[in-house]
């Protein structure tokens, strides 16, 4: 199985593609499936988050384009830009992922936040879209190197079962 251990420059043309949810793009290590059906691994430096449009380099030279998967989200709208900014401020104070657009917000479904938004005068609708929330004040980690020269290969641990008493 091919394992991507580093990012390629974003301007590099992708020869393959993978569709990942926001939750998957937050993980630095996981198994995934290319759109062509081939399984591969991702093992990036801890803390590296993938964004829609990022490119992963496979050891065989192929470049994998990252696509934000369609997800169930809440779309938040308000009567004015000021009202939307106030809602964004209050949602942001809860430190939850939030995608900010010019006239709406996108967030993961949460009944408590939905009630808060509605209490602030916003409207909440269920939608299905790719989710690319703001990376926060400090940005997110994009590390463009590998540790292939350190003499240890990557291991993907997905699929391992937790130990039980009788093992």
N, C-alpha and C. Protein backbone atom coordinates (compact mmCIF):
# COMPACT_ATOMS: atom_id res chain seq x y z
N UNK A 1 0.85 -1.18 0.00
CA UNK A 1 0.00 0.00 0.00
C UNK A 1 0.89 1.24 0.00
N UNK A 2 0.58 2.17 -0.87
CA UNK A 2 1.31 3.44 -0.93
C UNK A 2 0.94 4.28 0.29
N UNK A 3 1.91 4.99 0.85
CA UNK A 3 1.66 5.87 2.00
C UNK A 3 2.20 7.26 1.68
N UNK A 4 1.32 8.25 1.67
CA UNK A 4 1.71 9.64 1.46
C UNK A 4 2.26 10.18 2.77
N UNK A 5 3.51 10.66 2.74
CA UNK A 5 4.14 11.18 3.95
C UNK A 5 4.39 12.68 3.89
N UNK A 6 4.10 13.29 2.75
CA UNK A 6 4.29 14.74 2.67
C UNK A 6 3.39 15.34 1.59
N UNK A 7 3.24 16.64 1.67
CA UNK A 7 2.43 17.38 0.71
C UNK A 7 3.27 17.76 -0.50
N UNK A 8 2.62 17.83 -1.63
CA UNK A 8 3.24 18.37 -2.85
C UNK A 8 2.78 19.82 -2.97
N UNK A 9 3.49 20.65 -3.72
CA UNK A 9 3.03 22.03 -3.92
C UNK A 9 1.61 22.05 -4.49
N UNK A 10 0.80 23.00 -4.03
CA UNK A 10 -0.61 23.07 -4.45
C UNK A 10 -0.75 23.25 -5.96
N UNK A 11 0.23 23.88 -6.61
CA UNK A 11 0.12 24.11 -8.05
C UNK A 11 0.42 22.86 -8.88
N UNK A 12 0.92 21.80 -8.23
CA UNK A 12 1.22 20.55 -8.92
C UNK A 12 -0.08 19.91 -9.41
N UNK A 13 -0.06 19.42 -10.64
CA UNK A 13 -1.27 18.79 -11.19
C UNK A 13 -1.47 17.41 -10.57
N UNK A 14 -2.69 17.16 -10.10
CA UNK A 14 -3.02 15.88 -9.48
C UNK A 14 -3.27 14.82 -10.55
N UNK A 15 -2.77 13.61 -10.29
CA UNK A 15 -3.02 12.48 -11.18
C UNK A 15 -4.07 11.55 -10.59
N UNK A 16 -4.35 11.72 -9.30
CA UNK A 16 -5.36 10.93 -8.57
C UNK A 16 -6.12 11.90 -7.67
N UNK A 17 -7.20 11.41 -7.06
CA UNK A 17 -7.97 12.25 -6.14
C UNK A 17 -8.52 11.42 -4.99
N UNK A 18 -8.70 12.08 -3.87
CA UNK A 18 -9.32 11.46 -2.69
C UNK A 18 -10.31 12.46 -2.12
N UNK A 19 -11.46 11.96 -1.71
CA UNK A 19 -12.49 12.79 -1.10
C UNK A 19 -12.48 12.49 0.40
N UNK A 20 -12.25 13.53 1.22
CA UNK A 20 -12.15 13.37 2.67
C UNK A 20 -13.08 14.33 3.39
N UNK A 21 -13.71 13.85 4.45
CA UNK A 21 -14.54 14.72 5.29
C UNK A 21 -13.64 15.65 6.10
N UNK A 22 -14.23 16.65 6.73
CA UNK A 22 -13.46 17.55 7.58
C UNK A 22 -12.78 16.77 8.69
N UNK A 23 -13.50 15.84 9.30
CA UNK A 23 -12.93 15.04 10.38
C UNK A 23 -11.71 14.26 9.88
N UNK A 24 -11.79 13.69 8.71
CA UNK A 24 -10.65 12.95 8.15
C UNK A 24 -9.49 13.89 7.83
N UNK A 25 -9.79 15.09 7.32
CA UNK A 25 -8.73 16.03 6.96
C UNK A 25 -8.00 16.58 8.18
N UNK A 26 -8.61 16.45 9.37
CA UNK A 26 -7.95 16.89 10.60
C UNK A 26 -6.93 15.87 11.10
N UNK A 27 -7.03 14.64 10.62
CA UNK A 27 -6.15 13.57 11.10
C UNK A 27 -4.86 13.54 10.28
N UNK A 28 -3.76 13.31 10.95
CA UNK A 28 -2.49 13.25 10.24
C UNK A 28 -2.15 11.82 9.81
N UNK A 29 -2.90 10.84 10.32
CA UNK A 29 -2.67 9.44 9.96
C UNK A 29 -4.01 8.74 9.76
N UNK A 30 -4.19 8.18 8.56
CA UNK A 30 -5.41 7.43 8.30
C UNK A 30 -5.27 6.62 7.02
N UNK A 31 -6.16 5.65 6.88
CA UNK A 31 -6.31 4.92 5.63
C UNK A 31 -7.41 5.61 4.84
N UNK A 32 -7.22 5.67 3.54
CA UNK A 32 -8.22 6.30 2.68
C UNK A 32 -8.29 5.53 1.37
N UNK A 33 -9.25 5.89 0.55
CA UNK A 33 -9.44 5.24 -0.74
C UNK A 33 -9.47 6.30 -1.82
N UNK A 34 -8.61 6.14 -2.82
CA UNK A 34 -8.62 7.05 -3.95
C UNK A 34 -9.93 6.89 -4.71
N UNK A 35 -10.30 7.89 -5.48
CA UNK A 35 -11.54 7.80 -6.26
C UNK A 35 -11.49 6.63 -7.25
N UNK A 36 -10.29 6.15 -7.59
CA UNK A 36 -10.19 5.00 -8.49
C UNK A 36 -10.36 3.67 -7.75
N UNK A 37 -10.60 3.73 -6.42
CA UNK A 37 -10.83 2.53 -5.63
C UNK A 37 -9.61 1.96 -4.93
N UNK A 38 -8.43 2.51 -5.18
CA UNK A 38 -7.19 2.02 -4.58
C UNK A 38 -7.03 2.55 -3.15
N UNK A 39 -6.73 1.64 -2.22
CA UNK A 39 -6.48 2.04 -0.84
C UNK A 39 -5.07 2.60 -0.73
N UNK A 40 -4.91 3.61 0.13
CA UNK A 40 -3.60 4.16 0.40
C UNK A 40 -3.61 4.73 1.81
N UNK A 41 -2.45 5.05 2.30
CA UNK A 41 -2.34 5.61 3.64
C UNK A 41 -1.87 7.04 3.61
N UNK A 42 -2.24 7.76 4.64
CA UNK A 42 -1.75 9.12 4.84
C UNK A 42 -1.04 9.12 6.18
N UNK A 43 0.20 9.54 6.18
CA UNK A 43 0.96 9.64 7.43
C UNK A 43 1.77 10.93 7.36
N UNK A 44 1.15 12.00 7.82
CA UNK A 44 1.78 13.31 7.81
C UNK A 44 2.27 13.66 9.21
N UNK A 45 3.08 14.68 9.28
CA UNK A 45 3.57 15.13 10.58
C UNK A 45 2.37 15.45 11.48
N UNK A 46 2.45 15.04 12.74
CA UNK A 46 1.35 15.27 13.69
C UNK A 46 1.02 16.76 13.71
N UNK A 47 -0.27 17.05 13.66
CA UNK A 47 -0.74 18.43 13.65
C UNK A 47 -1.02 18.97 12.27
N UNK A 48 -0.62 18.24 11.23
CA UNK A 48 -0.88 18.68 9.86
C UNK A 48 -2.35 18.45 9.54
N UNK A 49 -3.00 19.49 9.06
CA UNK A 49 -4.40 19.40 8.64
C UNK A 49 -4.47 19.61 7.13
N UNK A 50 -5.27 18.82 6.48
CA UNK A 50 -5.43 18.94 5.04
C UNK A 50 -6.60 19.87 4.72
N UNK A 51 -6.46 20.59 3.62
CA UNK A 51 -7.51 21.48 3.12
C UNK A 51 -7.91 21.04 1.72
N UNK A 52 -9.12 21.42 1.34
CA UNK A 52 -9.57 21.19 -0.03
C UNK A 52 -8.54 21.83 -0.96
N UNK A 53 -8.09 21.08 -1.95
CA UNK A 53 -7.11 21.61 -2.90
C UNK A 53 -5.67 21.26 -2.58
N UNK A 54 -5.40 20.75 -1.38
CA UNK A 54 -4.04 20.30 -1.06
C UNK A 54 -3.68 19.12 -1.95
N UNK A 55 -2.40 18.87 -2.07
CA UNK A 55 -1.90 17.76 -2.89
C UNK A 55 -0.99 16.89 -2.03
N UNK A 56 -1.19 15.59 -2.10
CA UNK A 56 -0.36 14.61 -1.39
C UNK A 56 0.54 13.91 -2.40
N UNK A 57 1.79 13.68 -2.02
CA UNK A 57 2.74 12.99 -2.90
C UNK A 57 2.85 11.53 -2.47
N UNK A 58 2.61 10.62 -3.41
CA UNK A 58 2.80 9.20 -3.15
C UNK A 58 4.23 8.80 -3.52
N UNK A 59 4.77 7.78 -2.89
CA UNK A 59 6.14 7.35 -3.18
C UNK A 59 6.39 6.98 -4.65
N UNK A 60 5.34 6.53 -5.35
CA UNK A 60 5.53 6.14 -6.76
C UNK A 60 5.46 7.33 -7.71
N UNK A 61 5.36 8.55 -7.16
CA UNK A 61 5.37 9.76 -7.98
C UNK A 61 4.00 10.33 -8.30
N UNK A 62 2.95 9.59 -8.01
CA UNK A 62 1.62 10.12 -8.28
C UNK A 62 1.28 11.22 -7.28
N UNK A 63 0.47 12.17 -7.72
CA UNK A 63 0.03 13.28 -6.89
C UNK A 63 -1.47 13.14 -6.67
N UNK A 64 -1.88 13.17 -5.41
CA UNK A 64 -3.29 12.99 -5.04
C UNK A 64 -3.88 14.34 -4.64
N UNK A 65 -4.92 14.77 -5.35
CA UNK A 65 -5.63 15.99 -4.99
C UNK A 65 -6.66 15.71 -3.91
N UNK A 66 -6.70 16.57 -2.90
CA UNK A 66 -7.64 16.42 -1.78
C UNK A 66 -8.91 17.20 -2.11
N UNK A 67 -10.04 16.52 -1.99
CA UNK A 67 -11.35 17.12 -2.24
C UNK A 67 -12.14 17.08 -0.93
N UNK A 68 -12.73 18.21 -0.56
CA UNK A 68 -13.59 18.25 0.63
C UNK A 68 -14.88 17.49 0.32
N UNK A 69 -15.13 16.41 1.06
CA UNK A 69 -16.33 15.59 0.85
C UNK A 69 -17.59 16.37 1.22
N UNK A 70 -18.68 16.02 0.58
CA UNK A 70 -19.97 16.60 0.91
C UNK A 70 -20.40 16.10 2.29
N UNK A 71 -20.81 17.02 3.16
CA UNK A 71 -21.18 16.67 4.53
C UNK A 71 -22.49 17.35 4.91
N UNK A 72 -23.16 16.78 5.90
CA UNK A 72 -24.35 17.42 6.46
C UNK A 72 -23.88 18.56 7.36
N UNK A 73 -24.36 19.76 7.06
CA UNK A 73 -23.95 20.96 7.79
C UNK A 73 -25.16 21.81 8.12
N UNK A 74 -24.95 22.79 8.97
CA UNK A 74 -25.95 23.82 9.22
C UNK A 74 -25.48 25.10 8.56
N UNK A 75 -26.35 25.68 7.73
CA UNK A 75 -26.09 26.98 7.12
C UNK A 75 -26.79 28.03 7.96
N UNK A 76 -26.06 29.06 8.34
CA UNK A 76 -26.59 30.12 9.19
C UNK A 76 -26.67 31.41 8.38
N UNK A 77 -27.83 32.02 8.41
CA UNK A 77 -28.02 33.32 7.74
C UNK A 77 -28.61 34.29 8.74
N UNK A 78 -28.45 35.57 8.44
CA UNK A 78 -28.99 36.61 9.32
C UNK A 78 -29.52 37.76 8.48
N UNK A 79 -30.28 38.65 9.11
CA UNK A 79 -30.94 39.74 8.41
C UNK A 79 -29.96 40.79 7.89
N UNK A 80 -28.78 40.88 8.48
CA UNK A 80 -27.80 41.88 8.05
C UNK A 80 -26.39 41.34 8.26
N UNK A 81 -25.44 42.01 7.65
CA UNK A 81 -24.03 41.62 7.83
C UNK A 81 -23.61 41.78 9.28
N UNK A 82 -24.11 42.81 9.94
CA UNK A 82 -23.77 43.03 11.35
C UNK A 82 -24.33 41.90 12.21
N UNK A 83 -25.57 41.51 11.96
CA UNK A 83 -26.18 40.41 12.72
C UNK A 83 -25.41 39.11 12.49
N UNK A 84 -24.99 38.87 11.25
CA UNK A 84 -24.22 37.66 10.95
C UNK A 84 -22.85 37.70 11.65
N UNK A 85 -22.23 38.87 11.68
CA UNK A 85 -20.94 39.01 12.36
C UNK A 85 -21.09 38.73 13.85
N UNK A 86 -22.17 39.20 14.46
CA UNK A 86 -22.41 38.93 15.89
C UNK A 86 -22.60 37.44 16.14
N UNK A 87 -23.33 36.78 15.25
CA UNK A 87 -23.52 35.33 15.39
C UNK A 87 -22.18 34.62 15.25
N UNK A 88 -21.39 35.02 14.25
CA UNK A 88 -20.07 34.41 14.05
C UNK A 88 -19.20 34.60 15.29
N UNK A 89 -19.28 35.76 15.91
CA UNK A 89 -18.51 36.03 17.13
C UNK A 89 -18.91 35.06 18.24
N UNK A 90 -20.21 34.90 18.45
CA UNK A 90 -20.68 34.02 19.54
C UNK A 90 -20.39 32.55 19.25
N UNK A 91 -20.55 32.12 18.01
CA UNK A 91 -20.22 30.73 17.67
C UNK A 91 -18.71 30.53 17.82
N UNK A 92 -17.93 31.49 17.37
CA UNK A 92 -16.47 31.40 17.49
C UNK A 92 -16.00 31.31 18.92
N UNK A 93 -16.72 31.96 19.83
CA UNK A 93 -16.37 31.88 21.25
C UNK A 93 -16.55 30.48 21.81
N UNK A 94 -17.27 29.62 21.09
CA UNK A 94 -17.45 28.22 21.52
C UNK A 94 -16.34 27.34 20.95
N UNK A 95 -15.42 27.94 20.20
CA UNK A 95 -14.27 27.23 19.63
C UNK A 95 -14.67 26.00 18.82
N UNK A 96 -15.69 26.18 17.99
CA UNK A 96 -16.10 25.10 17.09
C UNK A 96 -15.71 25.47 15.66
N UNK A 97 -15.49 24.50 14.81
CA UNK A 97 -15.15 24.80 13.42
C UNK A 97 -16.26 25.60 12.75
N UNK A 98 -15.88 26.64 12.02
CA UNK A 98 -16.86 27.53 11.40
C UNK A 98 -16.31 28.02 10.06
N UNK A 99 -17.09 27.83 9.01
CA UNK A 99 -16.73 28.35 7.69
C UNK A 99 -17.47 29.66 7.52
N UNK A 100 -16.75 30.72 7.21
CA UNK A 100 -17.33 32.06 7.10
C UNK A 100 -17.35 32.47 5.63
N UNK A 101 -18.53 32.74 5.13
CA UNK A 101 -18.72 33.22 3.76
C UNK A 101 -19.27 34.64 3.84
N UNK A 102 -19.41 35.31 2.70
CA UNK A 102 -19.83 36.72 2.72
C UNK A 102 -21.23 36.93 3.27
N UNK A 103 -22.14 35.98 3.06
CA UNK A 103 -23.52 36.19 3.53
C UNK A 103 -24.09 35.01 4.31
N UNK A 104 -23.26 34.06 4.69
CA UNK A 104 -23.72 32.94 5.52
C UNK A 104 -22.53 32.28 6.21
N UNK A 105 -22.84 31.45 7.18
CA UNK A 105 -21.85 30.66 7.90
C UNK A 105 -22.20 29.19 7.71
N UNK A 106 -21.20 28.32 7.79
CA UNK A 106 -21.44 26.88 7.80
C UNK A 106 -20.80 26.30 9.05
N UNK A 107 -21.54 25.41 9.71
CA UNK A 107 -21.01 24.74 10.90
C UNK A 107 -21.54 23.32 10.95
N UNK A 108 -20.85 22.49 11.71
CA UNK A 108 -21.32 21.12 11.90
C UNK A 108 -22.62 21.15 12.69
N UNK A 109 -23.54 20.24 12.43
CA UNK A 109 -24.82 20.23 13.15
C UNK A 109 -24.62 20.08 14.66
N UNK A 110 -25.31 20.94 15.40
CA UNK A 110 -25.24 20.93 16.86
C UNK A 110 -26.51 21.61 17.36
N UNK A 111 -27.36 20.87 18.07
CA UNK A 111 -28.66 21.43 18.48
C UNK A 111 -28.50 22.58 19.47
N UNK A 112 -27.47 22.57 20.29
CA UNK A 112 -27.26 23.66 21.25
C UNK A 112 -26.87 24.94 20.50
N UNK A 113 -25.94 24.83 19.55
CA UNK A 113 -25.55 26.00 18.77
C UNK A 113 -26.69 26.49 17.89
N UNK A 114 -27.48 25.57 17.37
CA UNK A 114 -28.64 25.96 16.55
C UNK A 114 -29.59 26.82 17.38
N UNK A 115 -29.87 26.41 18.60
CA UNK A 115 -30.75 27.18 19.48
C UNK A 115 -30.15 28.55 19.79
N UNK A 116 -28.84 28.59 20.03
CA UNK A 116 -28.18 29.86 20.31
C UNK A 116 -28.28 30.80 19.12
N UNK A 117 -28.00 30.28 17.91
CA UNK A 117 -28.06 31.09 16.70
C UNK A 117 -29.47 31.63 16.50
N UNK A 118 -30.47 30.78 16.67
CA UNK A 118 -31.85 31.23 16.51
C UNK A 118 -32.21 32.26 17.58
N UNK A 119 -31.69 32.11 18.78
CA UNK A 119 -31.91 33.09 19.84
C UNK A 119 -31.28 34.44 19.53
N UNK A 120 -30.25 34.43 18.70
CA UNK A 120 -29.59 35.67 18.28
C UNK A 120 -30.22 36.25 17.01
N UNK A 121 -31.31 35.64 16.54
CA UNK A 121 -32.02 36.15 15.38
C UNK A 121 -31.62 35.53 14.05
N UNK A 122 -30.75 34.55 14.07
CA UNK A 122 -30.32 33.90 12.83
C UNK A 122 -31.26 32.79 12.43
N UNK A 123 -31.15 32.38 11.17
CA UNK A 123 -31.90 31.22 10.70
C UNK A 123 -30.91 30.11 10.38
N UNK A 124 -31.32 28.88 10.66
CA UNK A 124 -30.46 27.72 10.46
C UNK A 124 -31.15 26.75 9.52
N UNK A 125 -30.45 26.34 8.48
CA UNK A 125 -30.97 25.37 7.52
C UNK A 125 -29.99 24.22 7.38
N UNK A 126 -30.53 23.02 7.22
CA UNK A 126 -29.69 21.85 6.97
C UNK A 126 -29.29 21.84 5.50
N UNK A 127 -27.99 21.70 5.22
CA UNK A 127 -27.48 21.66 3.85
C UNK A 127 -26.43 20.55 3.74
N UNK A 128 -26.08 20.22 2.52
CA UNK A 128 -25.00 19.26 2.27
C UNK A 128 -23.99 19.95 1.37
N UNK A 129 -22.77 20.12 1.89
CA UNK A 129 -21.71 20.82 1.17
C UNK A 129 -20.35 20.32 1.61
N UNK A 130 -19.32 20.72 0.89
CA UNK A 130 -17.96 20.52 1.35
C UNK A 130 -17.70 21.53 2.47
N UNK A 131 -16.97 21.13 3.51
CA UNK A 131 -16.76 21.97 4.68
C UNK A 131 -15.29 22.33 4.80
N UNK A 132 -15.00 23.63 4.74
CA UNK A 132 -13.63 24.12 4.90
C UNK A 132 -13.65 25.27 5.90
N UNK A 133 -13.67 24.94 7.20
CA UNK A 133 -13.74 25.99 8.22
C UNK A 133 -12.46 26.82 8.30
N UNK A 134 -12.58 27.95 8.94
CA UNK A 134 -11.43 28.82 9.18
C UNK A 134 -10.38 28.05 9.96
N UNK A 135 -9.13 28.36 9.72
CA UNK A 135 -8.06 27.64 10.40
C UNK A 135 -7.72 28.23 11.76
N UNK A 136 -8.31 29.35 12.12
CA UNK A 136 -8.06 29.92 13.44
C UNK A 136 -6.98 31.00 13.39
N UNK A 137 -6.80 31.64 14.51
CA UNK A 137 -5.87 32.77 14.59
C UNK A 137 -4.43 32.38 14.29
N UNK A 138 -4.08 31.14 14.59
CA UNK A 138 -2.69 30.72 14.41
C UNK A 138 -2.49 29.89 13.16
N UNK A 139 -3.53 29.78 12.35
CA UNK A 139 -3.42 29.00 11.12
C UNK A 139 -3.34 27.52 11.42
N UNK A 140 -3.12 26.74 10.38
CA UNK A 140 -2.94 25.31 10.59
C UNK A 140 -1.61 24.89 10.00
N UNK A 141 -1.17 23.75 10.44
CA UNK A 141 0.15 23.28 10.07
C UNK A 141 0.15 22.67 8.69
N UNK A 142 1.04 23.14 7.87
CA UNK A 142 1.32 22.52 6.58
C UNK A 142 2.81 22.31 6.53
N UNK A 143 3.22 21.07 6.67
CA UNK A 143 4.63 20.75 6.69
C UNK A 143 4.98 20.13 5.35
N UNK A 144 5.95 20.68 4.66
CA UNK A 144 6.30 20.22 3.32
C UNK A 144 7.63 19.47 3.29
N UNK A 145 7.76 18.47 4.14
CA UNK A 145 8.94 17.62 4.09
C UNK A 145 8.58 16.25 4.63
N UNK A 146 9.48 15.29 4.42
CA UNK A 146 9.24 13.95 4.95
C UNK A 146 10.42 13.55 5.81
N UNK A 147 10.26 12.44 6.50
CA UNK A 147 11.32 11.92 7.35
C UNK A 147 11.82 10.59 6.80
N UNK A 148 11.80 10.43 5.48
CA UNK A 148 12.22 9.17 4.87
C UNK A 148 13.67 8.83 5.18
N UNK A 149 14.49 9.85 5.43
CA UNK A 149 15.90 9.62 5.68
C UNK A 149 16.19 9.19 7.11
N UNK A 150 15.19 9.08 7.96
CA UNK A 150 15.43 8.76 9.36
C UNK A 150 15.42 7.26 9.62
N UNK A 151 15.21 6.44 8.58
CA UNK A 151 15.34 5.01 8.75
C UNK A 151 14.13 4.31 9.34
N UNK A 152 13.00 4.97 9.37
CA UNK A 152 11.80 4.28 9.85
C UNK A 152 10.65 4.60 8.92
N UNK A 153 9.95 3.57 8.55
CA UNK A 153 8.82 3.73 7.65
C UNK A 153 7.55 4.00 8.43
N UNK A 154 6.51 4.40 7.70
CA UNK A 154 5.24 4.69 8.34
C UNK A 154 4.42 3.44 8.59
N UNK A 155 3.59 3.49 9.59
CA UNK A 155 2.63 2.42 9.87
C UNK A 155 1.27 3.04 10.05
N UNK A 156 0.28 2.43 9.47
CA UNK A 156 -1.09 2.87 9.63
C UNK A 156 -1.76 1.93 10.61
N UNK A 157 -2.35 2.47 11.66
CA UNK A 157 -2.91 1.65 12.72
C UNK A 157 -4.42 1.47 12.63
N UNK A 158 -5.07 2.09 11.65
CA UNK A 158 -6.51 1.91 11.52
C UNK A 158 -6.81 0.43 11.32
N UNK A 159 -7.85 -0.04 11.90
CA UNK A 159 -8.25 -1.42 11.74
C UNK A 159 -7.74 -2.33 12.84
N UNK A 160 -6.80 -1.88 13.64
CA UNK A 160 -6.35 -2.69 14.77
C UNK A 160 -7.42 -2.69 15.84
N UNK A 161 -7.58 -3.82 16.48
CA UNK A 161 -8.60 -3.94 17.52
C UNK A 161 -7.97 -3.64 18.88
N UNK A 162 -8.72 -2.99 19.78
CA UNK A 162 -8.19 -2.75 21.12
C UNK A 162 -7.97 -4.07 21.85
N UNK A 163 -7.00 -4.09 22.73
CA UNK A 163 -6.72 -5.30 23.51
C UNK A 163 -7.88 -5.60 24.44
N UNK A 164 -8.13 -6.88 24.63
CA UNK A 164 -9.13 -7.31 25.60
C UNK A 164 -8.43 -8.15 26.66
N UNK A 165 -9.12 -8.45 27.75
CA UNK A 165 -8.54 -9.19 28.87
C UNK A 165 -8.05 -10.57 28.46
N UNK A 166 -8.74 -11.23 27.51
CA UNK A 166 -8.39 -12.60 27.18
C UNK A 166 -7.29 -12.72 26.13
N UNK A 167 -6.65 -11.67 25.73
CA UNK A 167 -5.54 -11.75 24.76
C UNK A 167 -4.23 -11.93 25.45
